[in-house]
Amino acid sequence: MYKIQTLNKISVAGLSLLDRDKYETASEMANPDGIILRSFKMHDMELPASLLAVARAGAGVNNIPIDKCTEKGIVVFNTPGANANSVKELVIASMFIASRNIPAAIDWCKTLADKGDEVPQLVEKGKGQFVGHELKGKTLGVIGLGAIGVMVANSAAALGMNVIGFDPYISVDAAWGLSREIRKAISLDTLIAESDYITVHVPLTDGTKGMFNADKFAIMKKGTVLLNFARGGLVKNDDLKAAIEAGIISKYMTDFPDAELINMNNVIAIPHLGASSEEAEDNCAAMAATELKDYLEFGNIKNSVNFPNCEMPYTGRKRLTIINKDIPNVIGQLSTIMASEKINIAEYINKNKNGYAYNIVEIDSKCDVSDEMLQRVITKLESAEGVISVRLI
């Protein structure tokens, strides 16, 4: 029986995928094999010695101590793309909101509540102050062409916008998903200078923190609309305020408000609703549960942020999974140890990522392999140089 701890409320659509005869789930649990969470901050949490994997029902993993998990051989999963459509729809909605001055217009209408029969006439007289712009024909710059960025770019092109994209690390799958109408920007600065609207979809890292600063605002068009549904730290608030006051930024739409932004003119702050749709929560939970289940039951890794993707179809044969530092002779040690117990390897796969490696070793079912033999192999492997963890499935 696998024990799964839920650190946030997780959609039933996900938890229902964990068979009750194999899994026990609870918010409070001792010695869990796996954890599923959303936004719970794990940095101050003591990681149980039993913990094998953490699955984040969402894309961002800033709330998880990745380095600590990696050192302990705990695989961390996220769910890229599961909430992409939900975020995309909010980004597109936000472009309409910013272009047509919708929040200010709604607030103004509320001031007419006590005007009775005069309301229709006052509406016609006052609506001119909220004249906006159409999206059709405007240029949208999309920075970051992952699952969300690609969807935003394609939807904006379908609305008649001229779309340019920039992502030096774009994946082959993402490139295949892009509409032919999306134009590749020569550089980030070129995209920023050409765009009427800019939407950013990159992770918050040391390299991207504060990427929208005085230097970038200086090359933007007057009246640019900036949309940030990625992470708050990507924009420097002081520089943003100066750009708004100078008329460079006409509207800043963000899903990551703070006290300073809420009180800033021409900032429309949304309370982190990007993935807050019933469908997105279901999709993220289902993907997280599936990833966790596939790892715990079969040793397969897909969508891990700290270890390489490594999958092998399960044949029913016994298999060992090994996590190790990516140093010379680990594979040699593995072969030597297996041979010393006269155990044949039927299938073997090894992948590496960021200085760590993951191995799946299937045991030849024709061999007469006892549990005692396998336990000796595991004990020897665990003491081998560079090996972090060994598991028998």
Foldseek 3Di string as FASTA:
>chain_A
DAEEAECDDADPLQVVVQDPVHYDYYNDDPLGQEYEYEQAQCPPPDDHLNHAEYEYLADDDPSPPQVVCVLQNYFYFFDPLLLQVLLLVVVVVVVVCLFQVVVVLVVVLVVCVPVPPCSVVVCVVPSVVRHGDDQAAFEEEEEDQGNNSQSNQQVSVVSRHQYEYEDPPDDPVSVVSHDPSYHYAPDPLRSQLRHQEYEYADEDDPVQFQVAALVSLVNHAQAHEYEYLHDDRNHDLVRVLVSCVVRSHQAYEYCDDDPSQVPGPRYDYHVNCSSVDPSSSSSSSNVRSVQVCCCVPPNAHDRTPNWDGDDDDDDPFKKKKWKFFPDPCLVVQLVVLCVVLPWDWPDKDWDGDDRMIMMITGTDPVDPDDPVSVVSSQVSSCPDPGTNHMDMD
